[in-house]
Amino acid sequence: MTFDLQAHRGGAGLHPENTLEAFGAALSLGVSTLELDVHLTRDNDVVVNHDPALADARLIRQLGREDLPPTMPLLCEVAALLDERQARGVRVNLEIKYDAMAAAELTSRADFVAVTLDAIRIDGLVDRTSIQCFDWGVLGLVGNEEQGVRRNLLVSPRHLASDAAGPSRWFDGLEVAAQFVLTAAEQGFDAISPMHGNPFRGGVDDAAYVPFATAELIDDAHDVGLQVIPYVVDDAATMAALIRLGADGLITNYPDRLRGVLHDLALPLPEPIPARNN
């Protein structure tokens, strides 16, 4: 597979995140994947937004579509944009924003997965979608209900760590090996998307930087058949370092910057898909 250039929330460093404006601009620039986040409204509309609540703290799950900002698109509107641009080769990496630490405020794993998968089927996105989540239980349900959708495990040290109640609640009761990629592969996941390192807004040129997406992690994942697509990588030096280590893709707020790095490394670039003239 060619390198996967993923525009995080459509390219949040360049345009308002998770909007049709951002997704359209990313297509014009040239990306292989639109990365986005989804929540459910009270009527089970699948809307594209990162946070579970609006700026006034009202939960999206308790609101109707009419209560939401007009710039917050439905997933079906993103699908329509891809159709309008004839962007058949562009994939969607959709994060189900289930929060294992605040589940009571949202909905159950099963409902979140079922409604989202129904929307993906209706929108004709099954064969071009990956679902990513920090929650292992969500990804397990996706695999049980729709084998045509790829599954990517989002992961960071925080999501692996035990708490006072026992093993990480993000495991949903699954026994996860210390070398977590082994369990991820056993679960049939397609990829891992590790946090690139700490500090999260830093990079390899920062003296205090500690990588999480290390050469060892990438090699271990590849050894068990998993792709590695670190998030969210915004500086050119860290982009280049991860590509040289063998990352299969990167999720970035600055897809233009990543295109520049890929060009400098003589790697293929996704074709721009401009808006069509009416």
C-alpha atoms as a PDB file:
ATOM      1  CA  MET A   1       0.000   0.000   0.000  1.00  0.00           C
ATOM      2  CA  THR A   2       1.105   3.593  -0.604  1.00  0.00           C
ATOM      3  CA  PHE A   3       1.791   5.913   2.315  1.00  0.00           C
ATOM      4  CA  ASP A   4      -1.446   7.019   3.989  1.00  0.00           C
ATOM      5  CA  LEU A   5      -1.628  10.811   4.290  1.00  0.00           C
ATOM      6  CA  GLN A   6      -4.501  11.465   6.700  1.00  0.00           C
ATOM      7  CA  ALA A   7      -5.925  14.950   7.175  1.00  0.00           C
ATOM      8  CA  HIS A   8      -6.765  15.165  10.893  1.00  0.00           C
ATOM      9  CA  ARG A   9     -10.297  16.547  11.216  1.00  0.00           C
ATOM     10  CA  GLY A  10      -9.874  17.583   7.591  1.00  0.00           C
ATOM     11  CA  GLY A  11      -6.628  19.475   8.269  1.00  0.00           C
ATOM     12  CA  ALA A  12      -7.373  21.380  11.464  1.00  0.00           C
ATOM     13  CA  GLY A  13      -4.239  23.491  11.202  1.00  0.00           C
ATOM     14  CA  LEU A  14      -5.414  24.966   7.922  1.00  0.00           C
ATOM     15  CA  HIS A  15      -9.227  25.240   8.113  1.00  0.00           C
ATOM     16  CA  PRO A  16     -12.013  24.993  10.726  1.00  0.00           C
ATOM     17  CA  GLU A  17     -11.860  21.407  11.932  1.00  0.00           C
ATOM     18  CA  ASN A  18     -14.409  18.748  11.034  1.00  0.00           C
ATOM     19  CA  THR A  19     -16.227  20.997   8.576  1.00  0.00           C
ATOM     20  CA  LEU A  20     -17.132  20.553   4.932  1.00  0.00           C
ATOM     21  CA  GLU A  21     -14.823  23.491   4.261  1.00  0.00           C
ATOM     22  CA  ALA A  22     -11.893  21.577   5.742  1.00  0.00           C
ATOM     23  CA  PHE A  23     -12.733  18.308   4.021  1.00  0.00           C
ATOM     24  CA  GLY A  24     -13.170  20.033   0.664  1.00  0.00           C
ATOM     25  CA  ALA A  25      -9.871  21.855   1.021  1.00  0.00           C
ATOM     26  CA  ALA A  26      -8.106  18.602   1.941  1.00  0.00           C
ATOM     27  CA  LEU A  27      -9.416  16.984  -1.228  1.00  0.00           C
ATOM     28  CA  SER A  28      -8.187  19.939  -3.280  1.00  0.00           C
ATOM     29  CA  LEU A  29      -4.776  19.699  -1.660  1.00  0.00           C
ATOM     30  CA  GLY A  30      -4.472  15.944  -2.142  1.00  0.00           C
ATOM     31  CA  VAL A  31      -4.792  13.456   0.714  1.00  0.00           C
ATOM     32  CA  SER A  32      -5.420   9.734   0.848  1.00  0.00           C
ATOM     33  CA  THR A  33      -7.732   9.788   3.888  1.00  0.00           C
ATOM     34  CA  LEU A  34     -10.107  12.192   5.615  1.00  0.00           C
ATOM     35  CA  GLU A  35      -9.884  11.639   9.373  1.00  0.00           C
ATOM     36  CA  LEU A  36     -12.938  12.710  11.374  1.00  0.00           C
ATOM     37  CA  ASP A  37     -14.830  12.223  14.645  1.00  0.00           C
ATOM     38  CA  VAL A  38     -18.473  11.348  15.150  1.00  0.00           C
ATOM     39  CA  HIS A  39     -21.133  11.678  17.843  1.00  0.00           C
ATOM     40  CA  LEU A  40     -24.825  10.805  17.932  1.00  0.00           C
ATOM     41  CA  THR A  41     -27.706  13.217  18.410  1.00  0.00           C
ATOM     42  CA  ARG A  42     -30.788  12.342  20.437  1.00  0.00           C
ATOM     43  CA  ASP A  43     -32.412  11.275  17.131  1.00  0.00           C
ATOM     44  CA  ASN A  44     -29.434   9.058  16.217  1.00  0.00           C
ATOM     45  CA  ASP A  45     -28.133  11.337  13.510  1.00  0.00           C
ATOM     46  CA  VAL A  46     -24.395  10.789  13.067  1.00  0.00           C
ATOM     47  CA  VAL A  47     -22.718  14.190  13.228  1.00  0.00           C
ATOM     48  CA  VAL A  48     -19.080  15.079  12.716  1.00  0.00           C
ATOM     49  CA  ASN A  49     -17.543  16.788  15.736  1.00  0.00           C
ATOM     50  CA  HIS A  50     -14.681  16.143  18.130  1.00  0.00           C
ATOM     51  CA  ASP A  51     -16.124  17.152  21.498  1.00  0.00           C
ATOM     52  CA  PRO A  52     -19.225  15.529  23.003  1.00  0.00           C
ATOM     53  CA  ALA A  53     -20.657  18.921  23.947  1.00  0.00           C
ATOM     54  CA  LEU A  54     -21.159  22.355  22.417  1.00  0.00           C
ATOM     55  CA  ALA A  55     -19.349  25.432  23.717  1.00  0.00           C
ATOM     56  CA  ASP A  56     -22.263  26.040  26.120  1.00  0.00           C
ATOM     57  CA  ALA A  57     -21.741  22.529  27.623  1.00  0.00           C
ATOM     58  CA  ARG A  58     -24.924  21.022  26.158  1.00  0.00           C
ATOM     59  CA  LEU A  59     -24.290  17.402  25.178  1.00  0.00           C
ATOM     60  CA  ILE A  60     -24.775  16.585  21.503  1.00  0.00           C
ATOM     61  CA  ARG A  61     -26.399  13.293  22.511  1.00  0.00           C
ATOM     62  CA  GLN A  62     -29.214  15.275  24.154  1.00  0.00           C
ATOM     63  CA  LEU A  63     -29.783  17.635  21.228  1.00  0.00           C
ATOM     64  CA  GLY A  64     -31.567  17.472  17.898  1.00  0.00           C
ATOM     65  CA  ARG A  65     -29.973  18.322  14.585  1.00  0.00           C
ATOM     66  CA  GLU A  66     -31.750  21.681  14.668  1.00  0.00           C
ATOM     67  CA  ASP A  67     -29.912  22.593  17.886  1.00  0.00           C
ATOM     68  CA  LEU A  68     -26.447  22.172  16.371  1.00  0.00           C
ATOM     69  CA  PRO A  69     -24.329  24.755  14.531  1.00  0.00           C
ATOM     70  CA  PRO A  70     -24.877  24.755  10.754  1.00  0.00           C
ATOM     71  CA  THR A  71     -21.150  24.224  10.245  1.00  0.00           C
ATOM     72  CA  MET A  72     -21.328  20.837  12.023  1.00  0.00           C
ATOM     73  CA  PRO A  73     -21.931  18.377   9.183  1.00  0.00           C
ATOM     74  CA  LEU A  74     -23.726  15.083   9.169  1.00  0.00           C
ATOM     75  CA  LEU A  75     -21.652  12.086   8.121  1.00  0.00           C
ATOM     76  CA  CYS A  76     -23.907  11.747   5.085  1.00  0.00           C
ATOM     77  CA  GLU A  77     -22.853  15.242   3.978  1.00  0.00           C
ATOM     78  CA  VAL A  78     -19.208  14.170   3.999  1.00  0.00           C
ATOM     79  CA  ALA A  79     -20.179  11.159   1.906  1.00  0.00           C
ATOM     80  CA  ALA A  80     -22.039  13.470  -0.493  1.00  0.00           C
ATOM     81  CA  LEU A  81     -18.956  15.681  -0.785  1.00  0.00           C
ATOM     82  CA  LEU A  82     -16.836  12.666  -1.745  1.00  0.00           C
ATOM     83  CA  ASP A  83     -19.415  11.702  -4.362  1.00  0.00           C
ATOM     84  CA  GLU A  84     -19.631  15.250  -5.700  1.00  0.00           C
ATOM     85  CA  ARG A  85     -15.846  15.389  -6.110  1.00  0.00           C
ATOM     86  CA  GLN A  86     -15.769  11.862  -7.538  1.00  0.00           C
ATOM     87  CA  ALA A  87     -13.127  11.151  -4.908  1.00  0.00           C
ATOM     88  CA  ARG A  88     -13.558   7.401  -5.071  1.00  0.00           C
ATOM     89  CA  GLY A  89      -9.961   6.691  -4.050  1.00  0.00           C
ATOM     90  CA  VAL A  90     -10.096   8.774  -0.865  1.00  0.00           C
ATOM     91  CA  ARG A  91     -10.804   6.862   2.332  1.00  0.00           C
ATOM     92  CA  VAL A  92     -12.522   7.888   5.565  1.00  0.00           C
ATOM     93  CA  ASN A  93     -10.959   7.202   8.969  1.00  0.00           C
ATOM     94  CA  LEU A  94     -13.803   7.656  11.406  1.00  0.00           C
ATOM     95  CA  GLU A  95     -13.263   7.867  15.148  1.00  0.00           C
ATOM     96  CA  ILE A  96     -16.168   6.694  17.272  1.00  0.00           C
ATOM     97  CA  LYS A  97     -15.857   9.083  20.216  1.00  0.00           C
ATOM     98  CA  TYR A  98     -16.884   6.624  22.872  1.00  0.00           C
ATOM     99  CA  ASP A  99     -15.426   7.580  26.238  1.00  0.00           C
ATOM    100  CA  ALA A 100     -14.980   4.650  28.611  1.00  0.00           C
ATOM    101  CA  MET A 101     -14.409   7.093  31.469  1.00  0.00           C
ATOM    102  CA  ALA A 102     -17.680   8.994  30.951  1.00  0.00           C
ATOM    103  CA  ALA A 103     -19.919   6.480  29.219  1.00  0.00           C
ATOM    104  CA  ALA A 104     -23.040   7.437  31.145  1.00  0.00           C
ATOM    105  CA  GLU A 105     -23.014  10.861  29.481  1.00  0.00           C
ATOM    106  CA  LEU A 106     -23.053   9.425  25.958  1.00  0.00           C
ATOM    107  CA  THR A 107     -24.512   6.057  24.995  1.00  0.00           C
ATOM    108  CA  SER A 108     -23.627   2.413  25.182  1.00  0.00           C
ATOM    109  CA  ARG A 109     -20.867   0.888  23.095  1.00  0.00           C
ATOM    110  CA  ALA A 110     -23.414  -1.299  21.319  1.00  0.00           C
ATOM    111  CA  ASP A 111     -25.743   1.570  20.373  1.00  0.00           C
ATOM    112  CA  PHE A 112     -22.898   3.838  19.255  1.00  0.00           C
ATOM    113  CA  VAL A 113     -21.483   1.117  17.009  1.00  0.00           C
ATOM    114  CA  ALA A 114     -24.827  -0.025  15.603  1.00  0.00           C
ATOM    115  CA  VAL A 115     -26.027   3.458  14.657  1.00  0.00           C
ATOM    116  CA  THR A 116     -22.670   4.448  13.162  1.00  0.00           C
ATOM    117  CA  LEU A 117     -22.388   1.271  11.099  1.00  0.00           C
ATOM    118  CA  ASP A 118     -25.934   1.725   9.790  1.00  0.00           C
ATOM    119  CA  ALA A 119     -24.990   5.239   8.654  1.00  0.00           C
ATOM    120  CA  ILE A 120     -21.834   3.980   6.939  1.00  0.00           C
ATOM    121  CA  ARG A 121     -23.840   1.351   5.093  1.00  0.00           C
ATOM    122  CA  ILE A 122     -26.549   3.807   4.048  1.00  0.00           C
ATOM    123  CA  ASP A 123     -23.925   6.294   2.853  1.00  0.00           C
ATOM    124  CA  GLY A 124     -22.124   3.621   0.810  1.00  0.00           C
ATOM    125  CA  LEU A 125     -18.871   4.013   2.741  1.00  0.00           C
ATOM    126  CA  VAL A 126     -18.259   0.470   3.985  1.00  0.00           C
ATOM    127  CA  ASP A 127     -15.492  -0.442   1.557  1.00  0.00           C
ATOM    128  CA  ARG A 128     -13.559   2.793   2.082  1.00  0.00           C
ATOM    129  CA  THR A 129     -13.901   3.309   5.840  1.00  0.00           C
ATOM    130  CA  SER A 130     -11.748   2.460   8.806  1.00  0.00           C
ATOM    131  CA  ILE A 131     -13.144   2.911  12.300  1.00  0.00           C
ATOM    132  CA  GLN A 132     -10.693   3.976  14.957  1.00  0.00           C
ATOM    133  CA  CYS A 133     -11.192   4.145  18.691  1.00  0.00           C
ATOM    134  CA  PHE A 134      -9.217   4.072  21.923  1.00  0.00           C
ATOM    135  CA  ASP A 135     -11.772   1.584  23.246  1.00  0.00           C
ATOM    136  CA  TRP A 136     -11.065  -2.077  22.513  1.00  0.00           C
ATOM    137  CA  GLY A 137     -14.681  -3.048  23.127  1.00  0.00           C
ATOM    138  CA  VAL A 138     -15.946  -0.686  20.432  1.00  0.00           C
ATOM    139  CA  LEU A 139     -13.569  -2.185  17.891  1.00  0.00           C
ATOM    140  CA  GLY A 140     -14.599  -5.686  18.926  1.00  0.00           C
ATOM    141  CA  LEU A 141     -18.245  -4.859  18.252  1.00  0.00           C
ATOM    142  CA  VAL A 142     -17.383  -3.348  14.877  1.00  0.00           C
ATOM    143  CA  GLY A 143     -15.616  -6.565  13.879  1.00  0.00           C
ATOM    144  CA  ASN A 144     -18.596  -8.651  14.946  1.00  0.00           C
ATOM    145  CA  GLU A 145     -21.115  -6.553  13.026  1.00  0.00           C
ATOM    146  CA  GLU A 146     -19.349  -5.388   9.854  1.00  0.00           C
ATOM    147  CA  GLN A 147     -16.294  -7.227   8.585  1.00  0.00           C
ATOM    148  CA  GLY A 148     -15.972  -4.922   5.576  1.00  0.00           C
ATOM    149  CA  VAL A 149     -14.812  -2.022   7.765  1.00  0.00           C
ATOM    150  CA  ARG A 150     -11.168  -1.824   8.801  1.00  0.00           C
ATOM    151  CA  ARG A 151     -10.368  -1.360  12.497  1.00  0.00           C
ATOM    152  CA  ASN A 152      -7.587   0.867  13.810  1.00  0.00           C
ATOM    153  CA  LEU A 153      -6.674   0.955  17.498  1.00  0.00           C
ATOM    154  CA  LEU A 154      -5.871   4.402  18.838  1.00  0.00           C
ATOM    155  CA  VAL A 155      -3.447   4.006  21.719  1.00  0.00           C
ATOM    156  CA  SER A 156      -1.305   5.966  24.148  1.00  0.00           C
ATOM    157  CA  PRO A 157       0.348   5.141  27.482  1.00  0.00           C
ATOM    158  CA  ARG A 158      -2.628   6.696  29.293  1.00  0.00           C
ATOM    159  CA  HIS A 159      -5.079   4.327  27.622  1.00  0.00           C
ATOM    160  CA  LEU A 160      -2.984   1.288  28.538  1.00  0.00           C
ATOM    161  CA  ALA A 161      -2.478   2.209  32.194  1.00  0.00           C
ATOM    162  CA  SER A 162      -4.343   0.540  35.060  1.00  0.00           C
ATOM    163  CA  ASP A 163      -6.272   2.656  37.540  1.00  0.00           C
ATOM    164  CA  ALA A 164      -7.504   2.137  41.090  1.00  0.00           C
ATOM    165  CA  ALA A 165     -10.355  -0.026  39.815  1.00  0.00           C
ATOM    166  CA  GLY A 166      -8.021  -2.431  38.026  1.00  0.00           C
ATOM    167  CA  PRO A 167      -6.957  -2.835  34.374  1.00  0.00           C
ATOM    168  CA  SER A 168      -7.665   0.004  31.984  1.00  0.00           C
ATOM    169  CA  ARG A 169     -11.369   0.537  31.425  1.00  0.00           C
ATOM    170  CA  TRP A 170     -10.571   1.091  27.767  1.00  0.00           C
ATOM    171  CA  PHE A 171      -9.938  -2.678  27.492  1.00  0.00           C
ATOM    172  CA  ASP A 172     -13.635  -3.453  28.160  1.00  0.00           C
ATOM    173  CA  GLY A 173     -12.616  -6.481  30.232  1.00  0.00           C
ATOM    174  CA  LEU A 174     -10.285  -7.893  27.578  1.00  0.00           C
ATOM    175  CA  GLU A 175      -7.007  -9.326  28.858  1.00  0.00           C
ATOM    176  CA  VAL A 176      -4.422  -7.268  27.000  1.00  0.00           C
ATOM    177  CA  ALA A 177      -0.831  -8.495  26.915  1.00  0.00           C
ATOM    178  CA  ALA A 178       1.993  -6.239  28.056  1.00  0.00           C
ATOM    179  CA  GLN A 179       3.075  -6.206  24.424  1.00  0.00           C
ATOM    180  CA  PHE A 180      -0.325  -4.881  23.396  1.00  0.00           C
ATOM    181  CA  VAL A 181       0.249  -5.331  19.660  1.00  0.00           C
ATOM    182  CA  LEU A 182       0.001  -9.087  20.161  1.00  0.00           C
ATOM    183  CA  THR A 183      -3.529  -8.771  21.545  1.00  0.00           C
ATOM    184  CA  ALA A 184      -4.454  -6.220  18.877  1.00  0.00           C
ATOM    185  CA  ALA A 185      -3.411  -8.688  16.194  1.00  0.00           C
ATOM    186  CA  GLU A 186      -5.270 -11.543  17.917  1.00  0.00           C
ATOM    187  CA  GLN A 187      -8.411  -9.372  17.852  1.00  0.00           C
ATOM    188  CA  GLY A 188      -8.069  -9.023  14.087  1.00  0.00           C
ATOM    189  CA  PHE A 189      -7.403  -5.290  14.085  1.00  0.00           C
ATOM    190  CA  ASP A 190      -5.872  -3.868  10.914  1.00  0.00           C
ATOM    191  CA  ALA A 191      -3.704  -1.095  12.325  1.00  0.00           C
ATOM    192  CA  ILE A 192      -2.575   0.725  15.411  1.00  0.00           C
ATOM    193  CA  SER A 193      -2.486   4.500  15.625  1.00  0.00           C
ATOM    194  CA  PRO A 194      -0.151   5.304  18.496  1.00  0.00           C
ATOM    195  CA  MET A 195       0.401   8.745  19.955  1.00  0.00           C
ATOM    196  CA  HIS A 196       3.693   9.803  18.403  1.00  0.00           C
ATOM    197  CA  GLY A 197       5.330  10.832  21.690  1.00  0.00           C
ATOM    198  CA  ASN A 198       5.455  13.184  24.639  1.00  0.00           C
ATOM    199  CA  PRO A 199       5.194  16.144  24.886  1.00  0.00           C
ATOM    200  CA  PHE A 200       2.372  15.674  22.418  1.00  0.00           C
ATOM    201  CA  ARG A 201       2.920  19.086  20.819  1.00  0.00           C
ATOM    202  CA  GLY A 202       6.664  18.502  20.659  1.00  0.00           C
ATOM    203  CA  GLY A 203       8.779  16.378  18.385  1.00  0.00           C
ATOM    204  CA  VAL A 204      12.139  14.815  17.755  1.00  0.00           C
ATOM    205  CA  ASP A 205      13.918  18.189  17.860  1.00  0.00           C
ATOM    206  CA  ASP A 206      12.723  18.776  21.439  1.00  0.00           C
ATOM    207  CA  ALA A 207      15.396  17.730  23.962  1.00  0.00           C
ATOM    208  CA  ALA A 208      12.679  16.579  26.380  1.00  0.00           C
ATOM    209  CA  TYR A 209      10.832  14.511  23.779  1.00  0.00           C
ATOM    210  CA  VAL A 210      10.143  10.844  24.550  1.00  0.00           C
ATOM    211  CA  PRO A 211       8.793   8.862  21.582  1.00  0.00           C
ATOM    212  CA  PHE A 212       5.943   6.393  22.002  1.00  0.00           C
ATOM    213  CA  ALA A 213       5.857   5.380  18.333  1.00  0.00           C
ATOM    214  CA  THR A 214       9.353   3.926  18.498  1.00  0.00           C
ATOM    215  CA  ALA A 215      11.214   1.820  15.963  1.00  0.00           C
ATOM    216  CA  GLU A 216      10.624  -1.189  18.229  1.00  0.00           C
ATOM    217  CA  LEU A 217       6.862  -0.575  18.394  1.00  0.00           C
ATOM    218  CA  ILE A 218       6.620  -0.162  14.620  1.00  0.00           C
ATOM    219  CA  ASP A 219       8.670  -3.302  13.992  1.00  0.00           C
ATOM    220  CA  ASP A 220       6.664  -5.317  16.541  1.00  0.00           C
ATOM    221  CA  ALA A 221       3.390  -4.216  14.942  1.00  0.00           C
ATOM    222  CA  HIS A 222       4.612  -5.058  11.454  1.00  0.00           C
ATOM    223  CA  ASP A 223       5.792  -8.468  12.661  1.00  0.00           C
ATOM    224  CA  VAL A 224       2.201  -9.379  13.610  1.00  0.00           C
ATOM    225  CA  GLY A 225       0.635  -7.875  10.478  1.00  0.00           C
ATOM    226  CA  LEU A 226      -0.521  -4.500  11.790  1.00  0.00           C
ATOM    227  CA  GLN A 227      -0.040  -1.211  10.003  1.00  0.00           C
ATOM    228  CA  VAL A 228       1.195   1.747  12.061  1.00  0.00           C
ATOM    229  CA  ILE A 229      -0.322   5.216  11.573  1.00  0.00           C
ATOM    230  CA  PRO A 230       0.808   7.576  14.386  1.00  0.00           C
ATOM    231  CA  TYR A 231      -1.217  10.599  15.488  1.00  0.00           C
ATOM    232  CA  VAL A 232      -1.131  13.698  15.464  1.00  0.00           C
ATOM    233  CA  VAL A 233       2.198  14.574  13.833  1.00  0.00           C
ATOM    234  CA  ASP A 234       2.577  18.216  12.855  1.00  0.00           C
ATOM    235  CA  ASP A 235       6.278  19.063  12.586  1.00  0.00           C
ATOM    236  CA  ALA A 236       8.335  18.137   9.534  1.00  0.00           C
ATOM    237  CA  ALA A 237      11.266  16.642  11.437  1.00  0.00           C
ATOM    238  CA  THR A 238       9.068  14.174  13.336  1.00  0.00           C
ATOM    239  CA  MET A 239       7.140  13.348  10.162  1.00  0.00           C
ATOM    240  CA  ALA A 240      10.371  12.483   8.364  1.00  0.00           C
ATOM    241  CA  ALA A 241      11.715  10.492  11.319  1.00  0.00           C
ATOM    242  CA  LEU A 242       8.574   8.335  11.565  1.00  0.00           C
ATOM    243  CA  ILE A 243       8.480   7.736   7.822  1.00  0.00           C
ATOM    244  CA  ARG A 244      12.095   6.551   7.939  1.00  0.00           C
ATOM    245  CA  LEU A 245      11.210   4.206  10.816  1.00  0.00           C
ATOM    246  CA  GLY A 246       8.604   2.571   8.599  1.00  0.00           C
ATOM    247  CA  ALA A 247       5.301   4.201   9.587  1.00  0.00           C
ATOM    248  CA  ASP A 248       2.601   3.293   7.069  1.00  0.00           C
ATOM    249  CA  GLY A 249       0.889   6.669   7.352  1.00  0.00           C
ATOM    250  CA  LEU A 250       0.539   9.732   9.547  1.00  0.00           C
ATOM    251  CA  ILE A 251      -2.425  11.673  10.892  1.00  0.00           C
ATOM    252  CA  THR A 252      -1.688  15.396  10.749  1.00  0.00           C
ATOM    253  CA  ASN A 253      -3.310  18.805  11.125  1.00  0.00           C
ATOM    254  CA  TYR A 254      -1.036  20.024   8.332  1.00  0.00           C
ATOM    255  CA  PRO A 255      -1.439  17.797   5.278  1.00  0.00           C
ATOM    256  CA  ASP A 256       0.351  20.430   3.188  1.00  0.00           C
ATOM    257  CA  ARG A 257       3.425  20.079   5.403  1.00  0.00           C
ATOM    258  CA  LEU A 258       3.323  16.284   5.176  1.00  0.00           C
ATOM    259  CA  ARG A 259       3.055  16.496   1.391  1.00  0.00           C
ATOM    260  CA  GLY A 260       6.240  18.557   1.429  1.00  0.00           C
ATOM    261  CA  VAL A 261       8.052  15.929   3.514  1.00  0.00           C
ATOM    262  CA  LEU A 262       6.873  13.113   1.252  1.00  0.00           C
ATOM    263  CA  HIS A 263       8.041  15.092  -1.780  1.00  0.00           C
ATOM    264  CA  ASP A 264      11.480  15.639  -0.233  1.00  0.00           C
ATOM    265  CA  LEU A 265      11.736  11.901   0.466  1.00  0.00           C
ATOM    266  CA  ALA A 266      10.765  11.139  -3.145  1.00  0.00           C
ATOM    267  CA  LEU A 267       7.609   9.293  -2.087  1.00  0.00           C
ATOM    268  CA  PRO A 268       4.376   9.303  -4.128  1.00  0.00           C
ATOM    269  CA  LEU A 269       1.788  11.969  -3.366  1.00  0.00           C
ATOM    270  CA  PRO A 270      -2.011  11.636  -3.425  1.00  0.00           C
ATOM    271  CA  GLU A 271      -3.557  13.374  -6.396  1.00  0.00           C
ATOM    272  CA  PRO A 272      -5.409  16.659  -5.712  1.00  0.00           C
ATOM    273  CA  ILE A 273      -9.145  16.485  -6.391  1.00  0.00           C
ATOM    274  CA  PRO A 274     -10.339  20.002  -7.147  1.00  0.00           C
ATOM    275  CA  ALA A 275     -13.919  21.185  -6.924  1.00  0.00           C
ATOM    276  CA  ARG A 276     -15.825  20.458 -10.103  1.00  0.00           C
ATOM    277  CA  ASN A 277     -17.054  23.322 -12.276  1.00  0.00           C
ATOM    278  CA  ASN A 278     -20.822  23.476 -12.536  1.00  0.00           C
END
